[in-house]
């Protein structure tokens, strides 16, 4: 079950997307279909690398944060 902070972030994200669709006006622009492939080729490795780094260091970062928070706990 998601924590309250994740639920809040999810609600804000959904609200932001809903407002952007409602408030969107007509767009008079053209994007070449091949541009999407190029953007995907550039962004996919970057996003994959960030996700990989996050997953690799997730456990270590969690332990470090837990140790830091334990310093401030009252005994």
PDB file of N, CA and C in Angstrom:
ATOM      1  N   UNK A   1       0.849  -1.177   0.000  1.00  0.00           N
ATOM      2  CA  UNK A   1       0.000   0.000   0.000  1.00  0.00           C
ATOM      3  C   UNK A   1       0.893   1.238   0.000  1.00  0.00           C
ATOM      4  N   UNK A   2       0.602   2.214  -0.870  1.00  0.00           N
ATOM      5  CA  UNK A   2       1.434   3.415  -0.946  1.00  0.00           C
ATOM      6  C   UNK A   2       1.366   4.245   0.335  1.00  0.00           C
ATOM      7  N   UNK A   3       2.474   4.889   0.619  1.00  0.00           N
ATOM      8  CA  UNK A   3       2.520   5.763   1.783  1.00  0.00           C
ATOM      9  C   UNK A   3       1.765   7.048   1.469  1.00  0.00           C
ATOM     10  N   UNK A   4       1.414   7.833   2.509  1.00  0.00           N
ATOM     11  CA  UNK A   4       0.676   9.080   2.258  1.00  0.00           C
ATOM     12  C   UNK A   4       1.411  10.040   1.332  1.00  0.00           C
ATOM     13  N   UNK A   5       2.736  10.103   1.423  1.00  0.00           N
ATOM     14  CA  UNK A   5       3.466  11.026   0.553  1.00  0.00           C
ATOM     15  C   UNK A   5       3.402  10.583  -0.902  1.00  0.00           C
ATOM     16  N   UNK A   6       3.408   9.265  -1.143  1.00  0.00           N
ATOM     17  CA  UNK A   6       3.296   8.772  -2.514  1.00  0.00           C
ATOM     18  C   UNK A   6       1.891   9.021  -3.041  1.00  0.00           C
ATOM     19  N   UNK A   7       0.892   8.839  -2.202  1.00  0.00           N
ATOM     20  CA  UNK A   7      -0.488   9.119  -2.616  1.00  0.00           C
ATOM     21  C   UNK A   7      -0.646  10.591  -2.972  1.00  0.00           C
ATOM     22  N   UNK A   8      -0.045  11.470  -2.154  1.00  0.00           N
ATOM     23  CA  UNK A   8      -0.131  12.905  -2.415  1.00  0.00           C
ATOM     24  C   UNK A   8       0.556  13.241  -3.737  1.00  0.00           C
ATOM     25  N   UNK A   9       1.741  12.685  -3.966  1.00  0.00           N
ATOM     26  CA  UNK A   9       2.459  12.948  -5.211  1.00  0.00           C
ATOM     27  C   UNK A   9       1.678  12.432  -6.408  1.00  0.00           C
ATOM     28  N   UNK A  10       1.041  11.273  -6.256  1.00  0.00           N
ATOM     29  CA  UNK A  10       0.242  10.713  -7.342  1.00  0.00           C
ATOM     30  C   UNK A  10      -0.966  11.595  -7.637  1.00  0.00           C
ATOM     31  N   UNK A  11      -1.604  12.085  -6.597  1.00  0.00           N
ATOM     32  CA  UNK A  11      -2.759  12.976  -6.802  1.00  0.00           C
ATOM     33  C   UNK A  11      -2.345  14.261  -7.501  1.00  0.00           C
ATOM     34  N   UNK A  12      -1.226  14.840  -7.086  1.00  0.00           N
ATOM     35  CA  UNK A  12      -0.739  16.068  -7.727  1.00  0.00           C
ATOM     36  C   UNK A  12      -0.409  15.810  -9.190  1.00  0.00           C
ATOM     37  N   UNK A  13       0.210  14.670  -9.471  1.00  0.00           N
ATOM     38  CA  UNK A  13       0.560  14.336 -10.857  1.00  0.00           C
ATOM     39  C   UNK A  13      -0.685  14.184 -11.713  1.00  0.00           C
ATOM     40  N   UNK A  14      -1.664  13.448 -11.225  1.00  0.00           N
ATOM     41  CA  UNK A  14      -2.906  13.254 -11.977  1.00  0.00           C
ATOM     42  C   UNK A  14      -3.627  14.588 -12.170  1.00  0.00           C
ATOM     43  N   UNK A  15      -3.666  15.401 -11.141  1.00  0.00           N
ATOM     44  CA  UNK A  15      -4.302  16.715 -11.244  1.00  0.00           C
ATOM     45  C   UNK A  15      -3.598  17.589 -12.269  1.00  0.00           C
ATOM     46  N   UNK A  16      -2.276  17.579 -12.262  1.00  0.00           N
ATOM     47  CA  UNK A  16      -1.508  18.374 -13.218  1.00  0.00           C
ATOM     48  C   UNK A  16      -1.771  17.928 -14.649  1.00  0.00           C
ATOM     49  N   UNK A  17      -1.801  16.624 -14.864  1.00  0.00           N
ATOM     50  CA  UNK A  17      -2.072  16.110 -16.215  1.00  0.00           C
ATOM     51  C   UNK A  17      -3.489  16.467 -16.642  1.00  0.00           C
ATOM     52  N   UNK A  18      -4.459  16.327 -15.734  1.00  0.00           N
ATOM     53  CA  UNK A  18      -5.846  16.656 -16.066  1.00  0.00           C
ATOM     54  C   UNK A  18      -5.991  18.133 -16.413  1.00  0.00           C
ATOM     55  N   UNK A  19      -5.375  18.999 -15.636  1.00  0.00           N
ATOM     56  CA  UNK A  19      -5.463  20.443 -15.907  1.00  0.00           C
ATOM     57  C   UNK A  19      -4.786  20.773 -17.227  1.00  0.00           C
ATOM     58  N   UNK A  20      -3.667  20.126 -17.530  1.00  0.00           N
ATOM     59  CA  UNK A  20      -2.981  20.430 -18.794  1.00  0.00           C
ATOM     60  C   UNK A  20      -3.818  20.011 -19.995  1.00  0.00           C
ATOM     61  N   UNK A  21      -4.598  18.934 -19.869  1.00  0.00           N
ATOM     62  CA  UNK A  21      -5.461  18.533 -20.970  1.00  0.00           C
ATOM     63  C   UNK A  21      -6.656  19.470 -21.104  1.00  0.00           C
ATOM     64  N   UNK A  22      -7.202  19.915 -19.990  1.00  0.00           N
ATOM     65  CA  UNK A  22      -8.368  20.788 -20.021  1.00  0.00           C
ATOM     66  C   UNK A  22      -7.987  22.180 -20.517  1.00  0.00           C
ATOM     67  N   UNK A  23      -6.836  22.672 -20.084  1.00  0.00           N
ATOM     68  CA  UNK A  23      -6.426  24.035 -20.413  1.00  0.00           C
ATOM     69  C   UNK A  23      -5.723  24.143 -21.762  1.00  0.00           C
ATOM     70  N   UNK A  24      -5.477  23.039 -22.428  1.00  0.00           N
ATOM     71  CA  UNK A  24      -4.751  23.065 -23.694  1.00  0.00           C
ATOM     72  C   UNK A  24      -5.598  23.698 -24.788  1.00  0.00           C
ATOM     73  N   UNK A  25      -4.971  24.555 -25.531  1.00  0.00           N
ATOM     74  CA  UNK A  25      -5.648  25.196 -26.649  1.00  0.00           C
ATOM     75  C   UNK A  25      -5.224  24.563 -27.960  1.00  0.00           C
ATOM     76  N   UNK A  26      -5.713  25.094 -29.067  1.00  0.00           N
ATOM     77  CA  UNK A  26      -5.311  24.541 -30.358  1.00  0.00           C
ATOM     78  C   UNK A  26      -3.830  24.808 -30.620  1.00  0.00           C
ATOM     79  N   UNK A  27      -3.186  23.834 -31.202  1.00  0.00           N
ATOM     80  CA  UNK A  27      -1.760  23.954 -31.505  1.00  0.00           C
ATOM     81  C   UNK A  27      -1.598  23.869 -33.013  1.00  0.00           C
ATOM     82  N   UNK A  28      -0.903  24.840 -33.564  1.00  0.00           N
ATOM     83  CA  UNK A  28      -0.647  24.865 -34.999  1.00  0.00           C
ATOM     84  C   UNK A  28       0.833  24.585 -35.205  1.00  0.00           C
ATOM     85  N   UNK A  29       1.183  23.317 -35.069  1.00  0.00           N
ATOM     86  CA  UNK A  29       2.582  22.925 -35.190  1.00  0.00           C
ATOM     87  C   UNK A  29       2.658  21.565 -35.851  1.00  0.00           C
ATOM     88  N   UNK A  30       3.824  21.277 -36.374  1.00  0.00           N
ATOM     89  CA  UNK A  30       4.048  19.991 -37.018  1.00  0.00           C
ATOM     90  C   UNK A  30       5.339  19.406 -36.471  1.00  0.00           C
ATOM     91  N   UNK A  31       5.274  18.162 -36.075  1.00  0.00           N
ATOM     92  CA  UNK A  31       6.464  17.455 -35.624  1.00  0.00           C
ATOM     93  C   UNK A  31       6.701  16.315 -36.594  1.00  0.00           C
ATOM     94  N   UNK A  32       7.869  16.310 -37.174  1.00  0.00           N
ATOM     95  CA  UNK A  32       8.224  15.261 -38.122  1.00  0.00           C
ATOM     96  C   UNK A  32       8.186  13.907 -37.418  1.00  0.00           C
ATOM     97  N   UNK A  33       7.568  12.896 -38.015  1.00  0.00           N
ATOM     98  CA  UNK A  33       7.482  11.585 -37.363  1.00  0.00           C
ATOM     99  C   UNK A  33       8.843  10.984 -36.992  1.00  0.00           C
ATOM    100  N   UNK A  34       9.859  11.262 -37.769  1.00  0.00           N
ATOM    101  CA  UNK A  34      11.187  10.725 -37.461  1.00  0.00           C
ATOM    102  C   UNK A  34      11.805  11.391 -36.235  1.00  0.00           C
ATOM    103  N   UNK A  35      11.320  12.559 -35.867  1.00  0.00           N
ATOM    104  CA  UNK A  35      11.841  13.249 -34.692  1.00  0.00           C
ATOM    105  C   UNK A  35      11.539  12.457 -33.429  1.00  0.00           C
ATOM    106  N   UNK A  36      10.387  11.825 -33.372  1.00  0.00           N
ATOM    107  CA  UNK A  36      10.034  11.011 -32.207  1.00  0.00           C
ATOM    108  C   UNK A  36      11.025   9.880 -31.983  1.00  0.00           C
ATOM    109  N   UNK A  37      11.439   9.237 -33.050  1.00  0.00           N
ATOM    110  CA  UNK A  37      12.423   8.162 -32.938  1.00  0.00           C
ATOM    111  C   UNK A  37      13.760   8.677 -32.429  1.00  0.00           C
ATOM    112  N   UNK A  38      14.162   9.849 -32.914  1.00  0.00           N
ATOM    113  CA  UNK A  38      15.426  10.430 -32.476  1.00  0.00           C
ATOM    114  C   UNK A  38      15.367  10.807 -30.998  1.00  0.00           C
ATOM    115  N   UNK A  39      14.269  11.430 -30.599  1.00  0.00           N
ATOM    116  CA  UNK A  39      14.107  11.814 -29.189  1.00  0.00           C
ATOM    117  C   UNK A  39      14.125  10.564 -28.316  1.00  0.00           C
ATOM    118  N   UNK A  40      13.459   9.505 -28.743  1.00  0.00           N
ATOM    119  CA  UNK A  40      13.447   8.257 -27.987  1.00  0.00           C
ATOM    120  C   UNK A  40      14.860   7.689 -27.868  1.00  0.00           C
ATOM    121  N   UNK A  41      15.623   7.716 -28.949  1.00  0.00           N
ATOM    122  CA  UNK A  41      16.988   7.191 -28.933  1.00  0.00           C
ATOM    123  C   UNK A  41      17.888   7.984 -27.993  1.00  0.00           C
ATOM    124  N   UNK A  42      17.616   9.253 -27.825  1.00  0.00           N
ATOM    125  CA  UNK A  42      18.438  10.086 -26.952  1.00  0.00           C
ATOM    126  C   UNK A  42      18.001   9.935 -25.499  1.00  0.00           C
ATOM    127  N   UNK A  43      16.692   9.971 -25.247  1.00  0.00           N
ATOM    128  CA  UNK A  43      16.207   9.979 -23.870  1.00  0.00           C
ATOM    129  C   UNK A  43      16.198   8.599 -23.215  1.00  0.00           C
ATOM    130  N   UNK A  44      15.967   7.542 -23.965  1.00  0.00           N
ATOM    131  CA  UNK A  44      15.853   6.220 -23.364  1.00  0.00           C
ATOM    132  C   UNK A  44      17.125   5.793 -22.627  1.00  0.00           C
ATOM    133  N   UNK A  45      18.314   5.927 -23.211  1.00  0.00           N
ATOM    134  CA  UNK A  45      19.517   5.536 -22.464  1.00  0.00           C
ATOM    135  C   UNK A  45      19.749   6.399 -21.219  1.00  0.00           C
ATOM    136  N   UNK A  46      19.411   7.677 -21.310  1.00  0.00           N
ATOM    137  CA  UNK A  46      19.596   8.559 -20.158  1.00  0.00           C
ATOM    138  C   UNK A  46      18.666   8.147 -19.024  1.00  0.00           C
ATOM    139  N   UNK A  47      17.394   7.928 -19.337  1.00  0.00           N
ATOM    140  CA  UNK A  47      16.426   7.527 -18.320  1.00  0.00           C
ATOM    141  C   UNK A  47      16.774   6.142 -17.772  1.00  0.00           C
ATOM    142  N   UNK A  48      17.220   5.239 -18.635  1.00  0.00           N
ATOM    143  CA  UNK A  48      17.610   3.900 -18.182  1.00  0.00           C
ATOM    144  C   UNK A  48      18.809   3.961 -17.242  1.00  0.00           C
ATOM    145  N   UNK A  49      19.778   4.809 -17.557  1.00  0.00           N
ATOM    146  CA  UNK A  49      20.957   4.939 -16.700  1.00  0.00           C
ATOM    147  C   UNK A  49      20.576   5.499 -15.334  1.00  0.00           C
ATOM    148  N   UNK A  50      19.719   6.508 -15.317  1.00  0.00           N
ATOM    149  CA  UNK A  50      19.278   7.086 -14.045  1.00  0.00           C
ATOM    150  C   UNK A  50      18.522   6.053 -13.226  1.00  0.00           C
ATOM    151  N   UNK A  51      17.634   5.293 -13.867  1.00  0.00           N
ATOM    152  CA  UNK A  51      16.885   4.255 -13.153  1.00  0.00           C
ATOM    153  C   UNK A  51      17.818   3.166 -12.632  1.00  0.00           C
ATOM    154  N   UNK A  52      18.798   2.779 -13.425  1.00  0.00           N
ATOM    155  CA  UNK A  52      19.759   1.767 -12.996  1.00  0.00           C
ATOM    156  C   UNK A  52      20.583   2.230 -11.808  1.00  0.00           C
ATOM    157  N   UNK A  53      21.041   3.465 -11.845  1.00  0.00           N
ATOM    158  CA  UNK A  53      21.803   4.020 -10.723  1.00  0.00           C
ATOM    159  C   UNK A  53      20.938   4.070  -9.475  1.00  0.00           C
ATOM    160  N   UNK A  54      19.702   4.500  -9.633  1.00  0.00           N
ATOM    161  CA  UNK A  54      18.790   4.557  -8.492  1.00  0.00           C
ATOM    162  C   UNK A  54      18.586   3.180  -7.882  1.00  0.00           C
ATOM    163  N   UNK A  55      18.322   2.181  -8.721  1.00  0.00           N
ATOM    164  CA  UNK A  55      18.086   0.837  -8.209  1.00  0.00           C
ATOM    165  C   UNK A  55      19.349   0.239  -7.583  1.00  0.00           C
ATOM    166  N   UNK A  56      20.518   0.562  -8.145  1.00  0.00           N
ATOM    167  CA  UNK A  56      21.766   0.038  -7.620  1.00  0.00           C
ATOM    168  C   UNK A  56      22.062   0.589  -6.225  1.00  0.00           C
ATOM    169  N   UNK A  57      21.805   1.889  -6.024  1.00  0.00           N
ATOM    170  CA  UNK A  57      22.132   2.535  -4.760  1.00  0.00           C
ATOM    171  C   UNK A  57      20.946   2.664  -3.808  1.00  0.00           C
ATOM    172  N   UNK A  58      19.798   2.121  -4.177  1.00  0.00           N
ATOM    173  CA  UNK A  58      18.593   2.277  -3.366  1.00  0.00           C
ATOM    174  C   UNK A  58      18.777   1.713  -1.960  1.00  0.00           C
ATOM    175  N   UNK A  59      19.303   0.523  -1.864  1.00  0.00           N
ATOM    176  CA  UNK A  59      19.469  -0.118  -0.556  1.00  0.00           C
ATOM    177  C   UNK A  59      20.486   0.636   0.296  1.00  0.00           C
ATOM    178  N   UNK A  60      21.615   1.004  -0.301  1.00  0.00           N
ATOM    179  CA  UNK A  60      22.649   1.711   0.439  1.00  0.00           C
ATOM    180  C   UNK A  60      22.157   3.077   0.904  1.00  0.00           C
ATOM    181  N   UNK A  61      21.420   3.762   0.056  1.00  0.00           N
ATOM    182  CA  UNK A  61      20.891   5.076   0.427  1.00  0.00           C
ATOM    183  C   UNK A  61      19.868   4.936   1.547  1.00  0.00           C
ATOM    184  N   UNK A  62      19.044   3.909   1.481  1.00  0.00           N
ATOM    185  CA  UNK A  62      18.053   3.676   2.536  1.00  0.00           C
ATOM    186  C   UNK A  62      18.713   3.415   3.876  1.00  0.00           C
ATOM    187  N   UNK A  63      19.773   2.615   3.882  1.00  0.00           N
ATOM    188  CA  UNK A  63      20.487   2.336   5.125  1.00  0.00           C
ATOM    189  C   UNK A  63      21.151   3.593   5.680  1.00  0.00           C
ATOM    190  N   UNK A  64      21.716   4.401   4.799  1.00  0.00           N
ATOM    191  CA  UNK A  64      22.357   5.647   5.227  1.00  0.00           C
ATOM    192  C   UNK A  64      21.343   6.611   5.827  1.00  0.00           C
ATOM    193  N   UNK A  65      20.192   6.742   5.193  1.00  0.00           N
ATOM    194  CA  UNK A  65      19.143   7.623   5.720  1.00  0.00           C
ATOM    195  C   UNK A  65      18.625   7.094   7.047  1.00  0.00           C
ATOM    196  N   UNK A  66      18.476   5.781   7.157  1.00  0.00           N
ATOM    197  CA  UNK A  66      17.997   5.184   8.413  1.00  0.00           C
ATOM    198  C   UNK A  66      18.992   5.430   9.543  1.00  0.00           C
ATOM    199  N   UNK A  67      20.278   5.298   9.280  1.00  0.00           N
ATOM    200  CA  UNK A  67      21.294   5.581  10.300  1.00  0.00           C
ATOM    201  C   UNK A  67      21.251   7.045  10.709  1.00  0.00           C
ATOM    202  N   UNK A  68      21.083   7.921   9.733  1.00  0.00           N
ATOM    203  CA  UNK A  68      21.026   9.353  10.006  1.00  0.00           C
ATOM    204  C   UNK A  68      19.814   9.690  10.882  1.00  0.00           C
ATOM    205  N   UNK A  69      18.667   9.106  10.564  1.00  0.00           N
ATOM    206  CA  UNK A  69      17.459   9.372  11.343  1.00  0.00           C
ATOM    207  C   UNK A  69      17.538   8.781  12.743  1.00  0.00           C
ATOM    208  N   UNK A  70      18.254   7.662  12.892  1.00  0.00           N
ATOM    209  CA  UNK A  70      18.411   7.049  14.203  1.00  0.00           C
ATOM    210  C   UNK A  70      19.247   7.935  15.134  1.00  0.00           C
ATOM    211  N   UNK A  71      20.069   8.799  14.573  1.00  0.00           N
ATOM    212  CA  UNK A  71      20.851   9.712  15.409  1.00  0.00           C
ATOM    213  C   UNK A  71      19.960  10.676  16.161  1.00  0.00           C
ATOM    214  N   UNK A  72      18.807  11.017  15.590  1.00  0.00           N
ATOM    215  CA  UNK A  72      17.932  12.012  16.170  1.00  0.00           C
ATOM    216  C   UNK A  72      16.784  11.424  17.003  1.00  0.00           C
ATOM    217  N   UNK A  73      16.685  10.094  17.032  1.00  0.00           N
ATOM    218  CA  UNK A  73      15.625   9.463  17.821  1.00  0.00           C
ATOM    219  C   UNK A  73      15.929   9.616  19.296  1.00  0.00           C
ATOM    220  N   UNK A  74      14.890   9.890  20.050  1.00  0.00           N
ATOM    221  CA  UNK A  74      15.066   9.976  21.501  1.00  0.00           C
ATOM    222  C   UNK A  74      15.078   8.565  22.081  1.00  0.00           C
ATOM    223  N   UNK A  75      15.929   8.369  23.048  1.00  0.00           N
ATOM    224  CA  UNK A  75      16.071   7.012  23.611  1.00  0.00           C
ATOM    225  C   UNK A  75      15.460   6.927  24.975  1.00  0.00           C
TER     226      UNK A  75
END
